[in-house]
Amino acid sequence: MMLNDPKTLLFALLGGIVPSLLWLWFWLKEERTEKEPKKIITAVFILGMISVIFVIPLQKFIQANVLDANTELALWAGVEEIIKYLVVVIILWNTRFIDRPIDWPIYLITSALGFAALENTMFLLKPFSVGETTVGLLTGSLRFLGSTLLHSIASAIIGILLGLSFHLNSFFRKIYLIIGIILATALHTVFNFFIINNKGSDFISVFAFLWVVTIIIMLLFEKLRRMSGEN
């Protein structure tokens, strides 16, 4: 793999980052009124990208020590969802930037899309490095509609649960957080299971299900916007 080729690296980075930025633009538009500081959004996105570096050794450890394939998929998904959540906590813990219920899903989606950006870049390096540009473009397009969206809505689930618990006490916020991580991990695991084990035979069904979940997430966004005092 010709990682020393600047052109290959540039194409892979563009193919990985641009789709994530397009999704980020879409989700930020859902906030509609009071916008989050661009510097904080940028920091969360970049740290989301960097977090991939920490996830890889954890997933290799799971792969080496877990024999059951389905358990491995679930643990891989769980690690990713927890790390994406921790990115937001690390940057925004005890700050004034999460002061409305809708802030939680916004920042968690940003972290997830940063994660997806570097993950997608890594997937695109191989086809671009061997001159398979068409394969690379097809891979990028499918990940834009599939795994990149999956990352954002899985983290959105955690964010929405945290947003719904925004005015509750710390005990219930922890319960909502745990439920959010479980639901996000379950969605992530199911998606990976069907994509990997069915070798694309249920491609349309899986993507349709993903978009149904996306619509539900958007409806819940409306509820959080009202809770945040937005019209």
C-alpha atoms as a PDB file:
ATOM      1  CA  MET A   1       0.000   0.000   0.000  1.00  0.00           C
ATOM      2  CA  MET A   2       1.586   3.256  -1.139  1.00  0.00           C
ATOM      3  CA  LEU A   3       0.974   5.417   1.922  1.00  0.00           C
ATOM      4  CA  ASN A   4       3.963   7.580   0.984  1.00  0.00           C
ATOM      5  CA  ASP A   5       2.097   8.826  -2.093  1.00  0.00           C
ATOM      6  CA  PRO A   6       0.727  12.293  -1.189  1.00  0.00           C
ATOM      7  CA  LYS A   7      -1.935  12.114  -3.915  1.00  0.00           C
ATOM      8  CA  THR A   8      -3.304   8.798  -2.609  1.00  0.00           C
ATOM      9  CA  LEU A   9      -3.416  10.115   0.940  1.00  0.00           C
ATOM     10  CA  LEU A  10      -5.089  13.337  -0.196  1.00  0.00           C
ATOM     11  CA  PHE A  11      -7.815  11.511  -2.153  1.00  0.00           C
ATOM     12  CA  ALA A  12      -8.450   9.161   0.774  1.00  0.00           C
ATOM     13  CA  LEU A  13      -8.665  12.062   3.230  1.00  0.00           C
ATOM     14  CA  LEU A  14     -11.034  13.987   0.977  1.00  0.00           C
ATOM     15  CA  GLY A  15     -13.156  10.889   0.430  1.00  0.00           C
ATOM     16  CA  GLY A  16     -13.282  10.276   4.166  1.00  0.00           C
ATOM     17  CA  ILE A  17     -13.707  13.782   5.541  1.00  0.00           C
ATOM     18  CA  VAL A  18     -15.960  15.521   2.986  1.00  0.00           C
ATOM     19  CA  PRO A  19     -18.921  13.110   3.385  1.00  0.00           C
ATOM     20  CA  SER A  20     -18.699  13.478   7.179  1.00  0.00           C
ATOM     21  CA  LEU A  21     -18.688  17.268   6.835  1.00  0.00           C
ATOM     22  CA  LEU A  22     -21.774  17.089   4.612  1.00  0.00           C
ATOM     23  CA  TRP A  23     -23.606  15.058   7.262  1.00  0.00           C
ATOM     24  CA  LEU A  24     -22.375  17.454   9.954  1.00  0.00           C
ATOM     25  CA  TRP A  25     -23.778  20.381   7.993  1.00  0.00           C
ATOM     26  CA  PHE A  26     -27.110  18.547   7.741  1.00  0.00           C
ATOM     27  CA  TRP A  27     -27.348  17.824  11.473  1.00  0.00           C
ATOM     28  CA  LEU A  28     -26.222  21.305  12.506  1.00  0.00           C
ATOM     29  CA  LYS A  29     -29.023  22.715  10.353  1.00  0.00           C
ATOM     30  CA  GLU A  30     -31.459  20.690  12.483  1.00  0.00           C
ATOM     31  CA  GLU A  31     -30.446  22.841  15.448  1.00  0.00           C
ATOM     32  CA  ARG A  32     -31.829  25.831  13.490  1.00  0.00           C
ATOM     33  CA  THR A  33     -31.435  28.709  15.959  1.00  0.00           C
ATOM     34  CA  GLU A  34     -28.681  29.041  18.545  1.00  0.00           C
ATOM     35  CA  LYS A  35     -25.541  27.540  17.037  1.00  0.00           C
ATOM     36  CA  GLU A  36     -22.665  25.914  18.886  1.00  0.00           C
ATOM     37  CA  PRO A  37     -19.247  27.659  18.779  1.00  0.00           C
ATOM     38  CA  LYS A  38     -17.353  26.667  15.632  1.00  0.00           C
ATOM     39  CA  LYS A  39     -14.109  26.215  17.588  1.00  0.00           C
ATOM     40  CA  ILE A  40     -15.738  23.707  19.931  1.00  0.00           C
ATOM     41  CA  ILE A  41     -17.434  21.850  17.065  1.00  0.00           C
ATOM     42  CA  THR A  42     -14.057  21.685  15.271  1.00  0.00           C
ATOM     43  CA  ALA A  43     -12.281  20.426  18.397  1.00  0.00           C
ATOM     44  CA  VAL A  44     -14.880  17.698  18.952  1.00  0.00           C
ATOM     45  CA  PHE A  45     -14.709  16.643  15.283  1.00  0.00           C
ATOM     46  CA  ILE A  46     -10.901  16.445  15.292  1.00  0.00           C
ATOM     47  CA  LEU A  47     -10.746  14.550  18.581  1.00  0.00           C
ATOM     48  CA  GLY A  48     -13.403  12.221  17.178  1.00  0.00           C
ATOM     49  CA  MET A  49     -11.001  11.493  14.317  1.00  0.00           C
ATOM     50  CA  ILE A  50      -8.072  10.956  16.681  1.00  0.00           C
ATOM     51  CA  SER A  51     -10.138   8.586  18.837  1.00  0.00           C
ATOM     52  CA  VAL A  52      -9.981   5.970  16.050  1.00  0.00           C
ATOM     53  CA  ILE A  53      -6.320   5.493  16.978  1.00  0.00           C
ATOM     54  CA  PHE A  54      -7.354   4.421  20.487  1.00  0.00           C
ATOM     55  CA  VAL A  55     -10.187   2.184  19.306  1.00  0.00           C
ATOM     56  CA  ILE A  56      -8.030   0.052  16.971  1.00  0.00           C
ATOM     57  CA  PRO A  57      -5.852  -1.604  19.692  1.00  0.00           C
ATOM     58  CA  LEU A  58      -8.937  -2.236  21.843  1.00  0.00           C
ATOM     59  CA  GLN A  59     -10.686  -3.952  18.939  1.00  0.00           C
ATOM     60  CA  LYS A  60      -7.560  -6.001  18.174  1.00  0.00           C
ATOM     61  CA  PHE A  61      -7.508  -7.117  21.816  1.00  0.00           C
ATOM     62  CA  ILE A  62     -11.170  -8.155  21.559  1.00  0.00           C
ATOM     63  CA  GLN A  63     -10.496  -9.993  18.302  1.00  0.00           C
ATOM     64  CA  ALA A  64      -7.613 -11.905  19.886  1.00  0.00           C
ATOM     65  CA  ASN A  65      -9.484 -12.879  23.052  1.00  0.00           C
ATOM     66  CA  VAL A  66     -13.133 -13.334  22.063  1.00  0.00           C
ATOM     67  CA  LEU A  67     -13.986 -16.491  20.148  1.00  0.00           C
ATOM     68  CA  ASP A  68     -17.675 -15.913  19.399  1.00  0.00           C
ATOM     69  CA  ALA A  69     -18.073 -13.775  16.268  1.00  0.00           C
ATOM     70  CA  ASN A  70     -21.364 -12.166  17.330  1.00  0.00           C
ATOM     71  CA  THR A  71     -19.991 -11.243  20.758  1.00  0.00           C
ATOM     72  CA  GLU A  72     -16.972  -9.764  19.029  1.00  0.00           C
ATOM     73  CA  LEU A  73     -19.203  -7.597  16.828  1.00  0.00           C
ATOM     74  CA  ALA A  74     -21.153  -6.360  19.859  1.00  0.00           C
ATOM     75  CA  LEU A  75     -18.000  -5.542  21.829  1.00  0.00           C
ATOM     76  CA  TRP A  76     -16.455  -3.759  18.854  1.00  0.00           C
ATOM     77  CA  ALA A  77     -19.593  -1.633  18.484  1.00  0.00           C
ATOM     78  CA  GLY A  78     -19.754  -0.955  22.229  1.00  0.00           C
ATOM     79  CA  VAL A  79     -16.152   0.218  22.341  1.00  0.00           C
ATOM     80  CA  GLU A  80     -16.746   2.635  19.471  1.00  0.00           C
ATOM     81  CA  GLU A  81     -19.921   4.087  21.023  1.00  0.00           C
ATOM     82  CA  ILE A  82     -18.284   4.574  24.431  1.00  0.00           C
ATOM     83  CA  ILE A  83     -15.167   6.179  22.943  1.00  0.00           C
ATOM     84  CA  LYS A  84     -17.245   8.602  20.844  1.00  0.00           C
ATOM     85  CA  TYR A  85     -19.153   9.561  23.995  1.00  0.00           C
ATOM     86  CA  LEU A  86     -15.927  10.033  25.974  1.00  0.00           C
ATOM     87  CA  VAL A  87     -14.639  12.448  23.317  1.00  0.00           C
ATOM     88  CA  VAL A  88     -17.488  14.816  24.167  1.00  0.00           C
ATOM     89  CA  VAL A  89     -17.028  14.345  27.910  1.00  0.00           C
ATOM     90  CA  ILE A  90     -13.285  15.034  27.707  1.00  0.00           C
ATOM     91  CA  ILE A  91     -13.765  18.309  25.828  1.00  0.00           C
ATOM     92  CA  LEU A  92     -16.956  19.608  27.431  1.00  0.00           C
ATOM     93  CA  TRP A  93     -16.925  18.293  31.017  1.00  0.00           C
ATOM     94  CA  ASN A  94     -17.715  21.108  33.462  1.00  0.00           C
ATOM     95  CA  THR A  95     -17.999  23.706  30.697  1.00  0.00           C
ATOM     96  CA  ARG A  96     -20.887  25.998  29.794  1.00  0.00           C
ATOM     97  CA  PHE A  97     -21.276  24.647  26.272  1.00  0.00           C
ATOM     98  CA  ILE A  98     -23.891  22.007  27.078  1.00  0.00           C
ATOM     99  CA  ASP A  99     -26.626  24.179  28.512  1.00  0.00           C
ATOM    100  CA  ARG A 100     -29.627  22.904  26.507  1.00  0.00           C
ATOM    101  CA  PRO A 101     -31.026  19.400  25.924  1.00  0.00           C
ATOM    102  CA  ILE A 102     -30.315  19.558  22.170  1.00  0.00           C
ATOM    103  CA  ASP A 103     -26.618  20.233  22.770  1.00  0.00           C
ATOM    104  CA  TRP A 104     -25.958  16.610  23.709  1.00  0.00           C
ATOM    105  CA  PRO A 105     -26.953  15.027  20.376  1.00  0.00           C
ATOM    106  CA  ILE A 106     -25.276  17.842  18.424  1.00  0.00           C
ATOM    107  CA  TYR A 107     -21.885  17.261  20.057  1.00  0.00           C
ATOM    108  CA  LEU A 108     -22.175  13.478  20.052  1.00  0.00           C
ATOM    109  CA  ILE A 109     -23.034  13.465  16.355  1.00  0.00           C
ATOM    110  CA  THR A 110     -20.034  15.735  15.726  1.00  0.00           C
ATOM    111  CA  SER A 111     -17.745  13.314  17.563  1.00  0.00           C
ATOM    112  CA  ALA A 112     -19.221  10.375  15.638  1.00  0.00           C
ATOM    113  CA  LEU A 113     -18.733  12.050  12.273  1.00  0.00           C
ATOM    114  CA  GLY A 114     -15.121  12.853  13.126  1.00  0.00           C
ATOM    115  CA  PHE A 115     -14.655   9.176  13.974  1.00  0.00           C
ATOM    116  CA  ALA A 116     -16.322   8.139  10.702  1.00  0.00           C
ATOM    117  CA  ALA A 117     -14.125  10.558   8.728  1.00  0.00           C
ATOM    118  CA  LEU A 118     -10.867   8.848   9.704  1.00  0.00           C
ATOM    119  CA  GLU A 119     -12.400   5.375   9.580  1.00  0.00           C
ATOM    120  CA  ASN A 120     -13.613   6.027   6.029  1.00  0.00           C
ATOM    121  CA  THR A 121     -10.210   7.405   5.073  1.00  0.00           C
ATOM    122  CA  MET A 122      -8.591   4.154   6.197  1.00  0.00           C
ATOM    123  CA  PHE A 123     -11.075   2.118   4.133  1.00  0.00           C
ATOM    124  CA  LEU A 124     -10.337   4.218   1.046  1.00  0.00           C
ATOM    125  CA  LEU A 125      -6.541   4.044   1.250  1.00  0.00           C
ATOM    126  CA  LYS A 126      -6.272   0.547  -0.233  1.00  0.00           C
ATOM    127  CA  PRO A 127      -8.365   0.997  -3.412  1.00  0.00           C
ATOM    128  CA  PHE A 128      -6.859   4.420  -4.126  1.00  0.00           C
ATOM    129  CA  SER A 129      -3.297   3.197  -3.503  1.00  0.00           C
ATOM    130  CA  VAL A 130      -3.636   0.416  -6.117  1.00  0.00           C
ATOM    131  CA  GLY A 131      -5.315   2.646  -8.694  1.00  0.00           C
ATOM    132  CA  GLU A 132      -8.852   1.300  -8.216  1.00  0.00           C
ATOM    133  CA  THR A 133     -10.445   4.741  -8.261  1.00  0.00           C
ATOM    134  CA  THR A 134     -13.895   3.459  -9.259  1.00  0.00           C
ATOM    135  CA  VAL A 135     -13.898   0.979  -6.374  1.00  0.00           C
ATOM    136  CA  GLY A 136     -12.781   3.743  -4.037  1.00  0.00           C
ATOM    137  CA  LEU A 137     -15.551   6.077  -5.161  1.00  0.00           C
ATOM    138  CA  LEU A 138     -18.147   3.318  -4.839  1.00  0.00           C
ATOM    139  CA  THR A 139     -16.852   2.443  -1.365  1.00  0.00           C
ATOM    140  CA  GLY A 140     -17.000   6.095  -0.333  1.00  0.00           C
ATOM    141  CA  SER A 141     -20.548   6.499  -1.640  1.00  0.00           C
ATOM    142  CA  LEU A 142     -21.799   3.383   0.141  1.00  0.00           C
ATOM    143  CA  ARG A 143     -20.158   4.416   3.403  1.00  0.00           C
ATOM    144  CA  PHE A 144     -21.671   7.900   3.058  1.00  0.00           C
ATOM    145  CA  LEU A 145     -25.165   6.388   2.899  1.00  0.00           C
ATOM    146  CA  GLY A 146     -24.460   3.551   5.318  1.00  0.00           C
ATOM    147  CA  SER A 147     -21.744   3.473   7.954  1.00  0.00           C
ATOM    148  CA  THR A 148     -21.224   7.247   8.192  1.00  0.00           C
ATOM    149  CA  LEU A 149     -24.941   7.734   8.780  1.00  0.00           C
ATOM    150  CA  LEU A 150     -24.894   4.784  11.199  1.00  0.00           C
ATOM    151  CA  HIS A 151     -22.185   6.395  13.316  1.00  0.00           C
ATOM    152  CA  SER A 152     -24.089   9.660  13.524  1.00  0.00           C
ATOM    153  CA  ILE A 153     -27.482   8.203  14.442  1.00  0.00           C
ATOM    154  CA  ALA A 154     -26.015   5.679  16.912  1.00  0.00           C
ATOM    155  CA  SER A 155     -24.337   8.523  18.795  1.00  0.00           C
ATOM    156  CA  ALA A 156     -27.474  10.628  18.336  1.00  0.00           C
ATOM    157  CA  ILE A 157     -29.402   7.979  20.275  1.00  0.00           C
ATOM    158  CA  ILE A 158     -27.080   8.448  23.253  1.00  0.00           C
ATOM    159  CA  GLY A 159     -27.307  12.221  22.883  1.00  0.00           C
ATOM    160  CA  ILE A 160     -31.094  12.198  22.691  1.00  0.00           C
ATOM    161  CA  LEU A 161     -31.383  10.060  25.827  1.00  0.00           C
ATOM    162  CA  LEU A 162     -29.056  12.460  27.628  1.00  0.00           C
ATOM    163  CA  GLY A 163     -31.080  15.382  26.294  1.00  0.00           C
ATOM    164  CA  LEU A 164     -34.348  13.844  27.501  1.00  0.00           C
ATOM    165  CA  SER A 165     -32.816  13.412  30.952  1.00  0.00           C
ATOM    166  CA  PHE A 166     -31.352  16.930  30.958  1.00  0.00           C
ATOM    167  CA  HIS A 167     -33.628  18.222  33.748  1.00  0.00           C
ATOM    168  CA  LEU A 168     -33.600  15.007  35.798  1.00  0.00           C
ATOM    169  CA  ASN A 169     -31.304  14.215  38.721  1.00  0.00           C
ATOM    170  CA  SER A 170     -27.897  12.595  38.291  1.00  0.00           C
ATOM    171  CA  PHE A 171     -29.164   9.062  39.042  1.00  0.00           C
ATOM    172  CA  PHE A 172     -31.704   9.126  36.225  1.00  0.00           C
ATOM    173  CA  ARG A 173     -29.223  10.790  33.854  1.00  0.00           C
ATOM    174  CA  LYS A 174     -26.889   7.841  34.413  1.00  0.00           C
ATOM    175  CA  ILE A 175     -29.733   5.393  33.752  1.00  0.00           C
ATOM    176  CA  TYR A 176     -30.637   7.206  30.526  1.00  0.00           C
ATOM    177  CA  LEU A 177     -26.954   7.201  29.504  1.00  0.00           C
ATOM    178  CA  ILE A 178     -26.671   3.439  30.025  1.00  0.00           C
ATOM    179  CA  ILE A 179     -29.875   2.841  28.054  1.00  0.00           C
ATOM    180  CA  GLY A 180     -28.566   5.100  25.274  1.00  0.00           C
ATOM    181  CA  ILE A 181     -25.250   3.231  25.034  1.00  0.00           C
ATOM    182  CA  ILE A 182     -27.064  -0.128  24.979  1.00  0.00           C
ATOM    183  CA  LEU A 183     -29.449   0.992  22.221  1.00  0.00           C
ATOM    184  CA  ALA A 184     -26.642   2.581  20.177  1.00  0.00           C
ATOM    185  CA  THR A 185     -24.499  -0.543  20.532  1.00  0.00           C
ATOM    186  CA  ALA A 186     -27.428  -2.769  19.550  1.00  0.00           C
ATOM    187  CA  LEU A 187     -28.139  -0.721  16.411  1.00  0.00           C
ATOM    188  CA  HIS A 188     -24.450  -0.672  15.486  1.00  0.00           C
ATOM    189  CA  THR A 189     -24.121  -4.426  16.049  1.00  0.00           C
ATOM    190  CA  VAL A 190     -27.211  -5.313  14.020  1.00  0.00           C
ATOM    191  CA  PHE A 191     -26.014  -3.156  11.111  1.00  0.00           C
ATOM    192  CA  ASN A 192     -22.556  -4.745  11.137  1.00  0.00           C
ATOM    193  CA  PHE A 193     -24.012  -8.238  11.486  1.00  0.00           C
ATOM    194  CA  PHE A 194     -26.188  -7.958   8.383  1.00  0.00           C
ATOM    195  CA  ILE A 195     -23.545  -6.163   6.309  1.00  0.00           C
ATOM    196  CA  ILE A 196     -20.815  -8.691   7.170  1.00  0.00           C
ATOM    197  CA  ASN A 197     -22.749 -11.957   7.380  1.00  0.00           C
ATOM    198  CA  ASN A 198     -25.163 -11.444   4.494  1.00  0.00           C
ATOM    199  CA  LYS A 199     -22.456 -10.145   2.152  1.00  0.00           C
ATOM    200  CA  GLY A 200     -24.725  -7.402   0.840  1.00  0.00           C
ATOM    201  CA  SER A 201     -27.717  -9.640   0.047  1.00  0.00           C
ATOM    202  CA  ASP A 202     -29.933  -7.615   2.410  1.00  0.00           C
ATOM    203  CA  PHE A 203     -28.328  -4.335   1.383  1.00  0.00           C
ATOM    204  CA  ILE A 204     -31.571  -2.499   0.565  1.00  0.00           C
ATOM    205  CA  SER A 205     -33.398  -3.749   3.663  1.00  0.00           C
ATOM    206  CA  VAL A 206     -30.563  -2.783   6.000  1.00  0.00           C
ATOM    207  CA  PHE A 207     -30.225   0.698   4.531  1.00  0.00           C
ATOM    208  CA  ALA A 208     -34.008   1.192   4.565  1.00  0.00           C
ATOM    209  CA  PHE A 209     -34.084   0.281   8.260  1.00  0.00           C
ATOM    210  CA  LEU A 210     -31.234   2.724   8.895  1.00  0.00           C
ATOM    211  CA  TRP A 211     -33.164   5.532   7.229  1.00  0.00           C
ATOM    212  CA  VAL A 212     -36.315   4.712   9.224  1.00  0.00           C
ATOM    213  CA  VAL A 213     -34.259   5.109  12.404  1.00  0.00           C
ATOM    214  CA  THR A 214     -32.902   8.383  11.024  1.00  0.00           C
ATOM    215  CA  ILE A 215     -36.425   9.738  10.581  1.00  0.00           C
ATOM    216  CA  ILE A 216     -37.266   8.763  14.161  1.00  0.00           C
ATOM    217  CA  ILE A 217     -34.112  10.553  15.348  1.00  0.00           C
ATOM    218  CA  MET A 218     -35.153  13.688  13.458  1.00  0.00           C
ATOM    219  CA  LEU A 219     -38.585  13.614  15.124  1.00  0.00           C
ATOM    220  CA  LEU A 220     -36.932  13.314  18.530  1.00  0.00           C
ATOM    221  CA  PHE A 221     -34.721  16.261  17.579  1.00  0.00           C
ATOM    222  CA  GLU A 222     -37.912  18.323  17.336  1.00  0.00           C
ATOM    223  CA  LYS A 223     -38.852  17.331  20.874  1.00  0.00           C
ATOM    224  CA  LEU A 224     -35.428  18.329  22.177  1.00  0.00           C
ATOM    225  CA  ARG A 225     -35.608  21.629  20.323  1.00  0.00           C
ATOM    226  CA  ARG A 226     -38.882  22.408  22.098  1.00  0.00           C
ATOM    227  CA  MET A 227     -37.344  21.369  25.413  1.00  0.00           C
ATOM    228  CA  SER A 228     -34.496  23.755  24.625  1.00  0.00           C
ATOM    229  CA  GLY A 229     -36.924  26.633  24.151  1.00  0.00           C
ATOM    230  CA  GLU A 230     -36.568  26.805  20.364  1.00  0.00           C
ATOM    231  CA  ASN A 231     -39.461  27.373  17.996  1.00  0.00           C
END
